[in-house]
Amino acid sequence: MGQIKIKTDHIVSKMGQEPIAQIEKEILAAKEHLLKGDAEGNDFLGWVNLPEEYDKAEYARMKADVARLSAKSKVFVVIGIGGSYLGARMVIEALQSEFASMVRGEKPYVVYAGHTLGEDYYTQLLTLLDHENYSVAVISKSGTTTEPAVAFRIVKAHLEKKYGKAEASQRIVAITDARKGALHDIAVNEGYPMYVIPDNVGGRFSVLTPVGLLPIAMAGFDTDRLLQGAQDMRRLCIEKNTLAENPAMMYAAVRNILYRNGIKVEMLVSSLPNLRYLAEWWKQLYGESEGKDHKGLLPHSLSITTDLHSMGQYVQDGERLMMETMVHVAKPATHVDVPTDEHNLDGINYLVGKSLTEINDCAMQGTVQAHLEGGVPVVEIDVDRIDEYTLGQMIYFFEFACGVSGYTLGVNPFNQPGVEAYKKNMFHLLGKPGF
C-alpha cells in the first residue's frame, strides 16, 4: 500500500528553493519539540505515540462491547461535540454509502447528537428512536459541556422509558476521564461500560482513542487497518528528517512560508463528496490548534466540482489571500462510464466511454492550472484510495503536520483558550450559578 505523497512543485518553482532551505531548520526544531516534549503543550502529546502505544486490553474489551451492542442495535447514537465526534464521523462518512440511511446494512447506522442545540433536530431524532432498537455512546472528558450534556439527558430519558433502567444501562457506553468528572461519576453510579480519554490526548487529536475507534467499529469498519495506517505514517514522520522525504514536514513548511508571505486562508479541497467530514475534522484540528495570539491560517473547505459553481469565481478572481490544499484520490472503489446517446442533444458524446473519475481528475487538474494562473498557491496531496488504511495515514499525517506547523508558527498547538469566551457569556445569559 502506497504512502501519502505531497506535491509542492508549483509553489517551489515560483518562490525558489531558498525559503524552503531557510525554514527547514525551524521545522526540524519544531519536530524535536514534539518528540522530546520540551515545549508548551507538552502535557498533551499522548497522540504522538498513540498508534503504537494504545491500551491493547481496553481495545480488546471495546471490540467485545461492539459485538454485544451491534447484536441488539439497528441505530447507534454518538453523543459528542468537536473532537468528541468529528473524527469518527469523518471516517464513517468516508467509508459508508452516501445512501446508508436509506439502505441499511447488517451493522448499526450511526447518528449523532450533542453537536447541536436545534430543537427540531432532537424531535426528529427521538421520533426515529421510537421505532428503532438502539444503543448509545456518550463522549465527554468532563460530562458538563452544555451541548452533549443536554443531549445525553434527553436521549438517556428516552432510552430508559423505552427499555427500562436496567436494560438502558447495558445499552450505554461512556467514553470519558479515567478518574474524575461528571460523566465518569454517572457511569460508575449507573454501571455503564466505560472507556478512557487519555489525560494527555486533547479532543481534536483523539480519533485513534476509543473516542473514534468505538463508533467506527460499531459502523462495521476495520479499526485494526485504521491503526496500521497511522502506525506506518507515524514511522515515516518520525524517521525521516528532510522535507523532501517527510510529507508532513513539507506540508508544515509550505503552509508557514505562505502565511509569512501574506496568505491568510487555507482551503482543503477534494472532488469526493464522502470526504466532506475530512474537511470538517481538519478545520477543527488546524483552527483550534493555530488560531490564537492573533495568528494562523483560517481553515476553509471546497468540494470540486460542486463549489466551482458557487465559490469558483471568488477563488479565481477575488482577493489574493488564499492557498489550496487539494486531496486527490487515485482509485475510486467503483467504476461508472458515460453512456452513449445517438441524438447527442446535450453535446457530451465526446465523453462516451470515459469514467467519472477520469472526468473528475481532468476537472481537478484544470482547476489547479486555472488557480495557479490566477495567483493561488496549490499544494496537492495524493492518496491511493479511500479505505481504513489510507484514512489512518491521513489522520496521523495531518496531526503530525499540525503539531510541527503550530510550533513553527510560534503558538502552543495544544490549548484552546478562546473556546471558553462564548461559554461564559452563554452561562450568564442562561442564569447558571456563578455566572
Protein backbone atom coordinates (compact mmCIF):
# COMPACT_ATOMS: atom_id res chain seq x y z
CA MET A 1 0.00 0.00 0.00
CA GLY A 2 1.50 3.34 -1.03
CA GLN A 3 2.21 6.24 1.26
CA ILE A 4 0.59 9.65 1.03
CA LYS A 5 2.54 11.85 -1.37
CA ILE A 6 2.68 15.63 -1.36
CA LYS A 7 3.32 17.81 -4.41
CA THR A 8 4.59 21.34 -3.91
CA ASP A 9 6.32 21.73 -7.28
CA HIS A 10 4.22 24.69 -8.40
CA ILE A 11 4.89 26.64 -5.21
CA VAL A 12 8.60 25.83 -5.05
CA SER A 13 9.12 26.68 -8.73
CA LYS A 14 7.59 30.11 -8.16
CA MET A 15 9.29 31.07 -4.89
CA GLY A 16 12.55 29.13 -5.37
CA GLN A 17 14.40 26.79 -3.04
CA GLU A 18 15.75 29.48 -0.71
CA PRO A 19 12.65 29.85 1.52
CA ILE A 20 12.44 26.04 1.82
CA ALA A 21 16.09 25.81 2.84
CA GLN A 22 15.67 28.67 5.33
CA ILE A 23 12.66 27.18 7.11
CA GLU A 24 13.93 23.59 7.25
CA LYS A 25 15.85 24.18 10.49
CA GLU A 26 12.74 25.65 12.12
CA ILE A 27 10.67 22.68 11.01
CA LEU A 28 13.22 20.23 12.40
CA ALA A 29 13.32 22.14 15.70
CA ALA A 30 9.51 22.01 15.91
CA LYS A 31 9.59 18.28 15.24
CA GLU A 32 12.13 17.83 18.04
CA HIS A 33 9.83 19.67 20.42
CA LEU A 34 7.10 17.16 19.58
CA LEU A 35 9.33 14.16 20.08
CA LYS A 36 11.12 15.40 23.21
CA GLY A 37 8.10 17.06 24.79
CA ASP A 38 10.06 20.12 25.87
CA ALA A 39 7.78 22.94 24.64
CA GLU A 40 4.41 24.45 25.56
CA GLY A 41 1.57 21.96 25.49
CA ASN A 42 3.85 19.02 26.27
CA ASP A 43 1.21 17.57 28.60
CA PHE A 44 -0.98 16.88 25.52
CA LEU A 45 1.43 14.87 23.38
CA GLY A 46 -0.01 11.43 24.03
CA TRP A 47 -1.25 11.26 20.42
CA VAL A 48 2.32 11.22 19.05
CA ASN A 49 2.93 7.58 20.00
CA LEU A 50 -0.71 6.56 20.32
CA PRO A 51 -0.85 4.34 17.20
CA GLU A 52 1.77 2.09 18.80
CA GLU A 53 1.09 2.57 22.50
CA TYR A 54 -2.71 2.38 22.76
CA ASP A 55 -4.18 0.26 25.56
CA LYS A 56 -4.39 -3.23 23.99
CA ALA A 57 -6.52 -4.68 26.80
CA GLU A 58 -9.03 -1.85 26.58
CA TYR A 59 -9.08 -2.23 22.80
CA ALA A 60 -9.97 -5.94 23.11
CA ARG A 61 -12.71 -5.12 25.63
CA MET A 62 -14.03 -2.46 23.27
CA LYS A 63 -14.33 -4.99 20.44
CA ALA A 64 -16.33 -7.31 22.71
CA ASP A 65 -18.71 -4.48 23.63
CA VAL A 66 -19.06 -3.56 19.96
CA ALA A 67 -20.11 -7.12 19.15
CA ARG A 68 -22.59 -7.15 22.05
CA LEU A 69 -24.17 -3.78 21.18
CA SER A 70 -24.23 -4.49 17.43
CA ALA A 71 -26.30 -7.61 18.05
CA LYS A 72 -29.08 -5.60 19.71
CA SER A 73 -28.95 -2.30 17.79
CA LYS A 74 -30.08 -1.06 14.40
CA VAL A 75 -29.06 2.51 15.26
CA PHE A 76 -26.09 3.73 17.29
CA VAL A 77 -26.25 7.25 18.74
CA VAL A 78 -22.91 9.03 19.19
CA ILE A 79 -23.23 11.95 21.62
CA GLY A 80 -20.36 14.43 21.47
CA ILE A 81 -19.18 17.72 20.05
CA GLY A 82 -15.99 18.90 18.36
CA GLY A 83 -13.22 16.34 18.69
CA SER A 84 -15.59 14.01 20.51
CA TYR A 85 -17.40 13.18 17.28
CA LEU A 86 -15.77 14.76 14.21
CA GLY A 87 -13.01 12.16 13.83
CA ALA A 88 -15.40 9.23 13.99
CA ARG A 89 -17.85 10.91 11.65
CA MET A 90 -15.06 11.70 9.21
CA VAL A 91 -14.01 8.05 8.92
CA ILE A 92 -17.56 6.65 8.88
CA GLU A 93 -18.83 9.04 6.21
CA ALA A 94 -15.74 8.49 4.09
CA LEU A 95 -16.32 4.71 4.06
CA GLN A 96 -20.08 4.17 4.16
CA SER A 97 -22.54 4.51 1.28
CA GLU A 98 -23.80 8.03 0.68
CA PHE A 99 -27.26 6.49 0.98
CA ALA A 100 -26.61 4.36 4.05
CA SER A 101 -29.54 5.90 5.92
CA MET A 102 -31.93 4.54 3.27
CA VAL A 103 -30.25 1.21 2.54
CA ARG A 104 -29.39 -0.29 5.92
CA GLY A 105 -26.72 -2.96 6.13
CA GLU A 106 -26.05 -5.56 8.81
CA LYS A 107 -24.21 -3.10 11.04
CA PRO A 108 -25.89 -0.32 13.04
CA TYR A 109 -26.43 3.01 11.32
CA VAL A 110 -24.62 5.74 13.25
CA VAL A 111 -26.42 9.00 14.05
CA TYR A 112 -25.14 11.97 16.02
CA ALA A 113 -26.31 14.10 18.93
CA GLY A 114 -24.71 16.63 21.25
CA HIS A 115 -23.22 18.63 18.38
CA THR A 116 -26.23 20.96 18.11
CA LEU A 117 -28.95 22.54 20.22
CA GLY A 118 -31.53 22.50 17.43
CA GLU A 119 -34.91 21.64 18.93
CA ASP A 120 -36.37 20.20 15.72
CA TYR A 121 -33.28 18.01 15.35
CA TYR A 122 -33.95 16.29 18.69
CA THR A 123 -37.65 15.93 17.99
CA GLN A 124 -36.80 14.16 14.75
CA LEU A 125 -34.11 12.05 16.41
CA LEU A 126 -36.45 10.84 19.16
CA THR A 127 -39.10 10.00 16.55
CA LEU A 128 -36.54 7.81 14.79
CA LEU A 129 -35.51 6.16 18.06
CA ASP A 130 -39.14 5.41 18.89
CA HIS A 131 -39.12 2.89 16.03
CA GLU A 132 -35.55 1.51 16.15
CA ASN A 133 -33.57 -0.65 18.53
CA TYR A 134 -30.63 1.46 19.53
CA SER A 135 -27.70 1.98 21.86
CA VAL A 136 -25.61 4.99 22.78
CA ALA A 137 -22.04 6.20 23.24
CA VAL A 138 -21.73 9.40 25.26
CA ILE A 139 -18.34 11.05 24.81
CA SER A 140 -17.11 13.88 27.02
CA LYS A 141 -14.00 14.43 29.12
CA SER A 142 -15.93 16.30 31.79
CA GLY A 143 -19.56 15.43 31.20
CA THR A 144 -20.57 19.05 31.76
CA THR A 145 -20.11 20.51 28.25
CA THR A 146 -23.52 22.00 27.58
CA GLU A 147 -24.43 20.56 24.18
CA PRO A 148 -23.60 16.87 24.82
CA ALA A 149 -24.80 17.05 28.44
CA VAL A 150 -28.23 18.29 27.29
CA ALA A 151 -28.34 15.68 24.52
CA PHE A 152 -27.40 12.85 26.87
CA ARG A 153 -30.06 13.83 29.36
CA ILE A 154 -32.69 13.82 26.58
CA VAL A 155 -31.56 10.53 24.99
CA LYS A 156 -31.00 8.78 28.33
CA ALA A 157 -34.57 9.61 29.43
CA HIS A 158 -35.89 8.21 26.14
CA LEU A 159 -33.75 5.07 26.42
CA GLU A 160 -34.84 4.35 30.00
CA LYS A 161 -38.50 4.88 29.14
CA LYS A 162 -38.23 2.56 26.13
CA TYR A 163 -36.20 -0.27 27.67
CA GLY A 164 -36.32 0.24 31.42
CA LYS A 165 -33.44 1.46 33.56
CA ALA A 166 -31.64 -1.88 33.87
CA GLU A 167 -31.57 -2.61 30.13
CA ALA A 168 -30.78 1.02 29.31
CA SER A 169 -27.61 0.80 31.41
CA GLN A 170 -26.48 -2.09 29.17
CA ARG A 171 -27.09 -0.02 26.03
CA ILE A 172 -24.97 2.97 27.08
CA VAL A 173 -21.18 3.22 26.95
CA ALA A 174 -19.35 6.22 28.38
CA ILE A 175 -16.06 7.48 26.95
CA THR A 176 -14.61 9.90 29.46
CA ASP A 177 -11.91 10.67 32.02
CA ALA A 178 -10.39 7.69 33.81
CA ARG A 179 -10.83 9.05 37.33
CA LYS A 180 -12.97 12.15 37.61
CA GLY A 181 -15.71 14.31 36.14
CA ALA A 182 -19.48 14.29 35.96
CA LEU A 183 -19.72 11.68 33.20
CA HIS A 184 -17.23 9.42 34.97
CA ASP A 185 -19.33 9.59 38.13
CA ILE A 186 -22.59 8.97 36.24
CA ALA A 187 -21.06 5.93 34.52
CA VAL A 188 -19.83 4.49 37.82
CA ASN A 189 -23.18 5.07 39.54
CA GLU A 190 -25.23 3.65 36.65
CA GLY A 191 -22.90 0.78 35.81
CA TYR A 192 -22.15 1.79 32.23
CA PRO A 193 -19.20 0.20 30.44
CA MET A 194 -16.54 2.92 30.42
CA TYR A 195 -13.64 3.75 28.11
CA VAL A 196 -10.89 6.25 28.71
CA ILE A 197 -9.97 9.50 27.00
CA PRO A 198 -6.27 9.66 27.94
CA ASP A 199 -5.27 12.68 30.03
CA ASN A 200 -2.51 13.57 27.57
CA VAL A 201 -4.65 13.48 24.40
CA GLY A 202 -6.75 16.53 23.52
CA GLY A 203 -10.15 16.16 21.89
CA ARG A 204 -9.15 17.15 18.36
CA PHE A 205 -6.31 14.57 18.44
CA SER A 206 -8.46 11.78 19.94
CA VAL A 207 -9.81 9.92 16.90
CA LEU A 208 -7.39 6.99 17.46
CA THR A 209 -8.61 6.53 21.05
CA PRO A 210 -11.98 4.91 21.93
CA VAL A 211 -13.50 8.33 21.12
CA GLY A 212 -13.18 7.49 17.44
CA LEU A 213 -12.44 3.78 17.37
CA LEU A 214 -15.60 2.61 19.13
CA PRO A 215 -18.11 4.40 16.84
CA ILE A 216 -16.06 3.46 13.76
CA ALA A 217 -16.10 -0.21 14.82
CA MET A 218 -19.84 -0.01 15.55
CA ALA A 219 -20.37 1.17 11.96
CA GLY A 220 -18.64 -2.02 10.80
CA PHE A 221 -15.26 -0.69 9.72
CA ASP A 222 -11.82 -2.20 10.36
CA THR A 223 -10.11 -0.30 13.17
CA ASP A 224 -7.08 -2.61 13.01
CA ARG A 225 -6.37 -1.34 9.48
CA LEU A 226 -7.02 2.24 10.57
CA LEU A 227 -4.40 1.88 13.30
CA GLN A 228 -1.99 0.16 10.90
CA GLY A 229 -2.18 3.11 8.51
CA ALA A 230 -1.49 5.51 11.39
CA GLN A 231 1.40 3.36 12.61
CA ASP A 232 3.06 3.35 9.19
CA MET A 233 2.63 7.11 8.77
CA ARG A 234 3.95 7.70 12.31
CA ARG A 235 7.09 5.72 11.45
CA LEU A 236 7.68 7.83 8.36
CA CYS A 237 7.04 11.12 10.17
CA ILE A 238 9.43 10.26 12.99
CA GLU A 239 12.20 8.60 11.00
CA LYS A 240 12.54 10.97 8.04
CA ASN A 241 14.27 14.27 8.80
CA THR A 242 14.29 16.10 5.48
CA LEU A 243 11.44 17.99 3.86
CA ALA A 244 11.94 16.02 0.67
CA GLU A 245 11.36 12.69 2.46
CA ASN A 246 8.80 13.71 5.08
CA PRO A 247 5.44 14.86 3.63
CA ALA A 248 4.12 16.12 6.99
CA MET A 249 7.19 18.32 7.49
CA MET A 250 6.94 19.63 3.92
CA TYR A 251 3.26 20.46 4.36
CA ALA A 252 4.01 22.33 7.60
CA ALA A 253 6.87 24.19 5.92
CA VAL A 254 4.90 25.35 2.87
CA ARG A 255 1.93 26.49 4.99
CA ASN A 256 4.20 28.63 7.17
CA ILE A 257 6.13 30.09 4.24
CA LEU A 258 2.92 31.13 2.51
CA TYR A 259 1.48 32.55 5.74
CA ARG A 260 4.58 34.70 6.20
CA ASN A 261 4.10 35.95 2.65
CA GLY A 262 0.57 37.21 3.18
CA ILE A 263 -1.62 34.14 2.70
CA LYS A 264 -4.37 34.16 5.33
CA VAL A 265 -6.77 31.37 4.28
CA GLU A 266 -6.18 27.70 3.53
CA MET A 267 -8.85 25.74 1.69
CA LEU A 268 -8.89 21.94 1.85
CA VAL A 269 -10.29 20.78 -1.48
CA SER A 270 -11.50 17.37 -2.66
CA SER A 271 -13.56 16.12 -5.57
CA LEU A 272 -15.24 13.38 -3.50
CA PRO A 273 -18.38 14.22 -1.50
CA ASN A 274 -17.68 11.45 1.01
CA LEU A 275 -14.63 13.43 2.20
CA ARG A 276 -16.65 16.43 3.37
CA TYR A 277 -16.16 15.42 7.01
CA LEU A 278 -12.43 15.02 6.46
CA ALA A 279 -12.60 18.76 5.85
CA GLU A 280 -14.73 19.36 8.96
CA TRP A 281 -12.32 17.37 11.15
CA TRP A 282 -9.33 19.13 9.55
CA LYS A 283 -10.90 22.55 10.13
CA GLN A 284 -11.20 21.93 13.85
CA LEU A 285 -7.70 20.41 14.04
CA TYR A 286 -5.99 23.40 12.45
CA GLY A 287 -8.38 26.15 13.52
CA GLU A 288 -8.23 25.24 17.20
CA SER A 289 -4.51 24.44 17.14
CA GLU A 290 -3.18 27.50 15.30
CA GLY A 291 -5.85 30.16 15.67
CA LYS A 292 -4.51 32.04 18.69
CA ASP A 293 -2.39 35.05 19.60
CA HIS A 294 -3.99 36.70 16.52
CA LYS A 295 -2.12 34.24 14.28
CA GLY A 296 -2.89 31.37 11.96
CA LEU A 297 -4.35 30.48 8.60
CA LEU A 298 -8.14 30.42 8.52
CA PRO A 299 -9.16 26.84 7.54
CA HIS A 300 -11.90 26.63 4.93
CA SER A 301 -13.01 23.89 2.52
CA LEU A 302 -14.34 23.44 -1.00
CA SER A 303 -15.71 20.50 -2.97
CA ILE A 304 -14.91 20.13 -6.67
CA THR A 305 -16.77 20.41 -8.90
CA THR A 306 -19.76 21.44 -6.78
CA ASP A 307 -18.26 24.59 -5.29
CA LEU A 308 -16.70 25.72 -8.57
CA HIS A 309 -20.26 26.78 -9.43
CA SER A 310 -20.54 28.92 -6.29
CA MET A 311 -17.11 29.87 -4.85
CA GLY A 312 -15.09 29.31 -8.01
CA GLN A 313 -15.44 32.90 -9.18
CA TYR A 314 -14.05 34.29 -5.93
CA VAL A 315 -11.15 31.84 -5.80
CA GLN A 316 -10.23 32.65 -9.39
CA ASP A 317 -10.63 36.43 -9.35
CA GLY A 318 -11.15 37.58 -5.76
CA GLU A 319 -8.61 38.94 -3.28
CA ARG A 320 -5.33 37.01 -3.31
CA LEU A 321 -5.37 35.86 0.32
CA MET A 322 -5.72 32.09 0.00
CA MET A 323 -3.91 28.84 -0.69
CA GLU A 324 -5.44 25.49 -1.62
CA THR A 325 -4.57 22.02 -0.37
CA MET A 326 -6.08 19.57 -2.84
CA VAL A 327 -6.62 15.95 -1.80
CA HIS A 328 -6.53 13.74 -4.89
CA VAL A 329 -7.68 10.11 -4.67
CA ALA A 330 -6.29 7.97 -7.49
CA LYS A 331 -8.53 4.90 -7.36
CA PRO A 332 -12.24 5.03 -6.53
CA ALA A 333 -13.96 2.00 -5.05
CA THR A 334 -16.28 1.63 -8.06
CA HIS A 335 -16.42 2.48 -11.77
CA VAL A 336 -19.05 4.33 -13.83
CA ASP A 337 -18.63 5.25 -17.53
CA VAL A 338 -20.59 7.84 -19.51
CA PRO A 339 -23.04 6.02 -21.86
CA THR A 340 -23.66 6.96 -25.49
CA ASP A 341 -26.75 8.75 -26.79
CA GLU A 342 -27.40 8.69 -30.53
CA HIS A 343 -29.08 12.11 -30.56
CA ASN A 344 -26.35 13.83 -28.51
CA LEU A 345 -28.61 16.79 -27.77
CA ASP A 346 -26.59 17.57 -24.65
CA GLY A 347 -23.38 17.62 -26.68
CA ILE A 348 -21.41 15.31 -24.40
CA ASN A 349 -20.84 12.29 -26.65
CA TYR A 350 -17.16 13.27 -26.62
CA LEU A 351 -17.20 11.87 -23.07
CA VAL A 352 -18.58 8.46 -24.05
CA GLY A 353 -16.52 5.65 -22.52
CA LYS A 354 -14.76 7.94 -20.08
CA SER A 355 -15.15 7.15 -16.39
CA LEU A 356 -16.44 9.73 -13.95
CA THR A 357 -13.05 9.54 -12.20
CA GLU A 358 -11.29 10.48 -15.44
CA ILE A 359 -13.63 13.45 -15.90
CA ASN A 360 -13.28 14.45 -12.24
CA ASP A 361 -9.47 14.26 -12.47
CA CYS A 362 -9.50 16.49 -15.54
CA ALA A 363 -11.72 18.95 -13.70
CA MET A 364 -9.35 18.97 -10.74
CA GLN A 365 -6.21 19.39 -12.85
CA GLY A 366 -7.92 22.09 -14.89
CA THR A 367 -8.80 23.82 -11.64
CA VAL A 368 -5.23 23.56 -10.36
CA GLN A 369 -3.92 25.10 -13.58
CA ALA A 370 -6.52 27.89 -13.60
CA HIS A 371 -5.98 28.78 -9.94
CA LEU A 372 -2.19 28.75 -10.30
CA GLU A 373 -2.52 31.09 -13.26
CA GLY A 374 -4.83 33.23 -11.12
CA GLY A 375 -2.19 33.51 -8.38
CA VAL A 376 -3.50 30.90 -5.90
CA PRO A 377 -0.75 28.64 -4.45
CA VAL A 378 -1.74 24.95 -4.62
CA VAL A 379 -0.45 22.01 -2.59
CA GLU A 380 -1.51 18.58 -3.86
CA ILE A 381 -1.85 15.56 -1.58
CA ASP A 382 -2.09 12.27 -3.46
CA VAL A 383 -3.80 9.27 -1.86
CA ASP A 384 -4.00 5.86 -3.49
CA ARG A 385 -7.61 5.10 -2.42
CA ILE A 386 -10.03 5.73 0.42
CA ASP A 387 -10.11 2.85 2.89
CA GLU A 388 -9.36 2.34 6.57
CA TYR A 389 -5.62 2.13 5.99
CA THR A 390 -5.29 5.35 3.98
CA LEU A 391 -7.60 7.21 6.38
CA GLY A 392 -5.34 6.12 9.25
CA GLN A 393 -2.42 7.53 7.28
CA MET A 394 -4.21 10.82 6.65
CA ILE A 395 -5.22 11.19 10.28
CA TYR A 396 -1.66 10.88 11.52
CA PHE A 397 -0.24 12.92 8.63
CA PHE A 398 -2.47 15.89 9.39
CA GLU A 399 -2.00 15.57 13.17
CA PHE A 400 1.80 15.45 12.99
CA ALA A 401 1.94 18.28 10.45
CA CYS A 402 -0.35 20.31 12.71
CA GLY A 403 1.93 19.95 15.73
CA VAL A 404 5.02 20.86 13.69
CA SER A 405 3.25 23.74 11.95
CA GLY A 406 1.90 25.18 15.21
CA TYR A 407 5.28 25.22 16.91
CA THR A 408 6.82 26.76 13.77
CA LEU A 409 4.11 29.43 13.85
CA GLY A 410 5.10 30.23 17.43
CA VAL A 411 1.94 29.14 19.27
CA ASN A 412 1.01 26.35 21.65
CA PRO A 413 -0.85 23.99 19.30
CA PHE A 414 -2.47 22.03 22.12
CA ASN A 415 -4.55 24.53 24.08
CA GLN A 416 -7.72 26.40 23.12
CA PRO A 417 -8.16 29.40 25.44
CA GLY A 418 -10.54 31.17 23.07
CA VAL A 419 -13.12 28.40 23.22
CA GLU A 420 -14.18 29.43 26.73
CA ALA A 421 -15.19 33.02 25.88
CA TYR A 422 -18.61 32.26 24.39
CA LYS A 423 -19.37 29.78 27.17
CA LYS A 424 -19.04 32.41 29.90
CA ASN A 425 -21.47 34.71 28.10
CA MET A 426 -23.89 31.86 27.40
CA PHE A 427 -23.84 30.70 31.04
CA HIS A 428 -24.54 34.26 32.20
CA LEU A 429 -27.50 34.58 29.80
CA LEU A 430 -28.89 31.21 30.89
CA GLY A 431 -28.57 32.03 34.58
CA LYS A 432 -26.04 29.35 35.53
CA PRO A 433 -24.99 29.73 39.20
CA GLY A 434 -21.71 31.56 39.49
CA PHE A 435 -22.05 33.38 36.16
